Amino acid sequence: MFKIKSDRLIRNIAIVIILIFNIGCDQISKNVIRKNVGFYQTISVIEDVVTITYVENTGAFLSLGSSLPHTLKVVLLSIIPLIALCFGIAYILLKKNLTLLSALALSFAIGGGIGNIYDRLVHGSVTDFLHINFGFFQTGIFNMADVSIMTGMLIFFIQSYTRQKARMLG
């Protein structure tokens, strides 16, 4: 009984550390950009493949919802996601049979979500600054919170694929 509680405590501490790490990396990188890069200034990091361009996004992904009325925007882009993230944290900390990869995936996604929600609540917009251009493929301008969210989703999809493949073979 003590071993199970001890393992669960260690697991939950690891989850909280991952959340803090994701939020911290996101917020530190955004603060560096806000203090050192001019609005709409573009800095080439790796030729024209990876650039930094400082923008403030008042909407969601790719500025969706940026033209909504302020109250509706606050509800849809801050309050509802914040409630969902709180439920997500409770879920990963309390769910007993959650796999390690699922907990890791959710920790990354939730950490990124909290980073962006924090920006919306404190700054009124989300600081975005990274852009990747491979010529045939390019991204919108994004931030480290978005990287955390995408990393979480990638881990989740890899786990789902390997589980499904194992079921098919077994």
Protein backbone atom coordinates (compact mmCIF):
# COMPACT_ATOMS: atom_id res chain seq x y z
CA MET A 1 0.00 0.00 0.00
CA PHE A 2 2.79 2.44 0.92
CA LYS A 3 4.69 1.54 -2.28
CA ILE A 4 1.65 2.40 -4.44
CA LYS A 5 1.16 5.77 -2.71
CA SER A 6 4.90 6.49 -3.00
CA ASP A 7 4.93 5.64 -6.74
CA ARG A 8 1.86 7.80 -7.29
CA LEU A 9 3.45 10.71 -5.41
CA ILE A 10 6.62 10.46 -7.51
CA ARG A 11 4.52 10.26 -10.70
CA ASN A 12 2.49 13.34 -9.70
CA ILE A 13 5.62 15.29 -8.78
CA ALA A 14 7.07 14.42 -12.21
CA ILE A 15 3.85 15.61 -13.89
CA VAL A 16 3.95 18.91 -11.99
CA ILE A 17 7.64 19.37 -12.92
CA ILE A 18 6.85 18.76 -16.60
CA LEU A 19 3.98 21.27 -16.41
CA ILE A 20 6.19 23.89 -14.74
CA PHE A 21 9.02 23.24 -17.23
CA ASN A 22 6.68 23.72 -20.21
CA ILE A 23 5.08 26.87 -18.78
CA GLY A 24 8.48 28.24 -17.73
CA CYS A 25 10.16 27.70 -21.12
CA ASP A 26 7.20 29.30 -22.84
CA GLN A 27 7.03 32.35 -20.57
CA ILE A 28 10.80 32.92 -20.50
CA SER A 29 11.04 32.77 -24.30
CA LYS A 30 8.09 35.17 -24.70
CA ASN A 31 9.58 37.63 -22.19
CA VAL A 32 12.92 37.57 -24.04
CA ILE A 33 11.13 38.31 -27.32
CA ARG A 34 8.98 41.10 -25.82
CA LYS A 35 12.07 42.79 -24.34
CA ASN A 36 14.55 42.30 -27.20
CA VAL A 37 12.68 42.16 -30.50
CA GLY A 38 10.68 44.97 -32.06
CA PHE A 39 7.04 44.41 -32.96
CA TYR A 40 6.93 42.79 -36.44
CA GLN A 41 10.74 42.77 -36.54
CA THR A 42 12.09 39.68 -38.31
CA ILE A 43 15.39 38.07 -37.33
CA SER A 44 16.85 35.23 -39.37
CA VAL A 45 17.99 32.36 -37.13
CA ILE A 46 18.82 29.73 -39.76
CA GLU A 47 18.98 31.62 -43.08
CA ASP A 48 15.35 32.12 -44.10
CA VAL A 49 14.26 28.68 -42.89
CA VAL A 50 13.80 29.59 -39.21
CA THR A 51 13.01 33.19 -38.36
CA ILE A 52 11.83 35.13 -35.34
CA THR A 53 9.04 37.61 -36.00
CA TYR A 54 7.43 39.19 -32.95
CA VAL A 55 3.64 39.44 -33.17
CA GLU A 56 0.80 39.57 -30.66
CA ASN A 57 -2.11 37.24 -31.47
CA THR A 58 -5.47 38.31 -30.03
CA GLY A 59 -7.19 35.21 -31.40
CA ALA A 60 -6.56 31.49 -31.20
CA PHE A 61 -4.63 29.27 -33.63
CA LEU A 62 -3.75 31.33 -36.75
CA SER A 63 -5.65 34.32 -35.25
CA LEU A 64 -9.02 32.55 -35.45
CA GLY A 65 -11.56 34.48 -33.39
CA SER A 66 -9.50 37.68 -33.21
CA SER A 67 -12.42 39.72 -34.58
CA LEU A 68 -14.95 38.40 -32.02
CA PRO A 69 -16.46 40.86 -29.51
CA HIS A 70 -14.24 41.21 -26.43
CA THR A 71 -16.60 39.45 -23.97
CA LEU A 72 -17.18 36.50 -26.29
CA LYS A 73 -13.44 36.27 -26.97
CA VAL A 74 -12.67 36.19 -23.22
CA VAL A 75 -15.24 33.42 -22.65
CA LEU A 76 -14.27 31.29 -25.69
CA LEU A 77 -10.49 31.81 -25.62
CA SER A 78 -9.78 32.15 -21.90
CA ILE A 79 -12.49 31.03 -19.47
CA ILE A 80 -13.66 27.81 -21.17
CA PRO A 81 -10.09 26.67 -22.00
CA LEU A 82 -8.97 27.49 -18.43
CA ILE A 83 -11.76 25.33 -17.00
CA ALA A 84 -10.84 22.51 -19.41
CA LEU A 85 -7.16 22.77 -18.42
CA CYS A 86 -8.06 22.58 -14.71
CA PHE A 87 -10.08 19.43 -15.38
CA GLY A 88 -7.14 18.09 -17.40
CA ILE A 89 -4.72 18.65 -14.51
CA ALA A 90 -7.11 16.94 -12.08
CA TYR A 91 -7.50 14.06 -14.54
CA ILE A 92 -3.78 13.36 -14.95
CA LEU A 93 -3.10 13.70 -11.22
CA LEU A 94 -6.04 11.55 -10.07
CA LYS A 95 -6.46 8.94 -12.82
CA LYS A 96 -4.92 5.73 -11.49
CA ASN A 97 -4.49 3.67 -14.65
CA LEU A 98 -3.23 6.40 -16.97
CA THR A 99 -0.20 5.21 -18.92
CA LEU A 100 3.08 7.02 -18.54
CA LEU A 101 2.99 8.16 -22.18
CA SER A 102 -0.59 9.44 -21.82
CA ALA A 103 0.39 11.39 -18.70
CA LEU A 104 3.42 12.80 -20.53
CA ALA A 105 1.35 13.75 -23.60
CA LEU A 106 -1.30 15.45 -21.49
CA SER A 107 1.33 17.23 -19.38
CA PHE A 108 2.91 18.77 -22.47
CA ALA A 109 -0.45 19.76 -23.99
CA ILE A 110 -1.79 21.21 -20.73
CA GLY A 111 1.48 23.03 -19.97
CA GLY A 112 1.37 24.69 -23.39
CA GLY A 113 -2.28 25.55 -22.96
CA ILE A 114 -1.60 27.19 -19.61
CA GLY A 115 1.25 29.23 -21.14
CA ASN A 116 -1.04 30.67 -23.81
CA ILE A 117 -3.96 31.23 -21.41
CA TYR A 118 -1.62 33.07 -19.05
CA ASP A 119 -0.65 35.41 -21.91
CA ARG A 120 -4.29 36.08 -22.79
CA LEU A 121 -5.25 36.83 -19.19
CA VAL A 122 -2.19 38.92 -18.29
CA HIS A 123 -1.28 40.59 -21.61
CA GLY A 124 -4.59 40.47 -23.51
CA SER A 125 -2.97 38.55 -26.37
CA VAL A 126 -0.58 35.68 -27.01
CA THR A 127 3.01 36.44 -27.97
CA ASP A 128 4.06 34.48 -31.07
CA PHE A 129 7.50 34.67 -32.63
CA LEU A 130 8.70 31.50 -34.40
CA HIS A 131 8.27 30.87 -38.12
CA ILE A 132 9.55 27.94 -40.17
CA ASN A 133 9.73 28.07 -43.97
CA PHE A 134 10.86 25.04 -45.97
CA GLY A 135 9.62 26.59 -49.23
CA PHE A 136 7.06 23.90 -50.02
CA PHE A 137 5.89 23.98 -46.40
CA GLN A 138 5.74 26.83 -43.94
CA THR A 139 4.13 27.41 -40.58
CA GLY A 140 2.20 30.31 -39.19
CA ILE A 141 3.98 32.26 -36.48
CA PHE A 142 3.91 30.27 -33.24
CA ASN A 143 5.49 30.05 -29.77
CA MET A 144 6.94 27.51 -27.35
CA ALA A 145 3.50 26.83 -25.81
CA ASP A 146 2.35 25.74 -29.27
CA VAL A 147 5.43 23.49 -29.52
CA SER A 148 4.47 21.92 -26.17
CA ILE A 149 0.90 21.35 -27.32
CA MET A 150 2.04 19.79 -30.60
CA THR A 151 4.61 17.63 -28.78
CA GLY A 152 1.86 16.37 -26.48
CA MET A 153 -0.38 15.57 -29.44
CA LEU A 154 2.49 13.82 -31.26
CA ILE A 155 3.20 11.63 -28.21
CA PHE A 156 -0.51 10.83 -27.94
CA PHE A 157 -0.80 9.87 -31.62
CA ILE A 158 2.37 7.73 -31.52
CA GLN A 159 1.03 5.92 -28.45
CA SER A 160 -2.37 5.41 -30.10
CA TYR A 161 -0.74 4.09 -33.28
CA THR A 162 1.54 1.66 -31.43
CA ARG A 163 -1.36 0.42 -29.29
CA GLN A 164 -3.53 -0.14 -32.35
CA LYS A 165 -0.69 -1.90 -34.18
CA ALA A 166 -0.08 -4.13 -31.12
CA ARG A 167 -3.79 -5.06 -31.03
CA MET A 168 -3.74 -5.95 -34.71
CA LEU A 169 -0.65 -8.14 -34.30
CA GLY A 170 -1.70 -9.69 -31.01
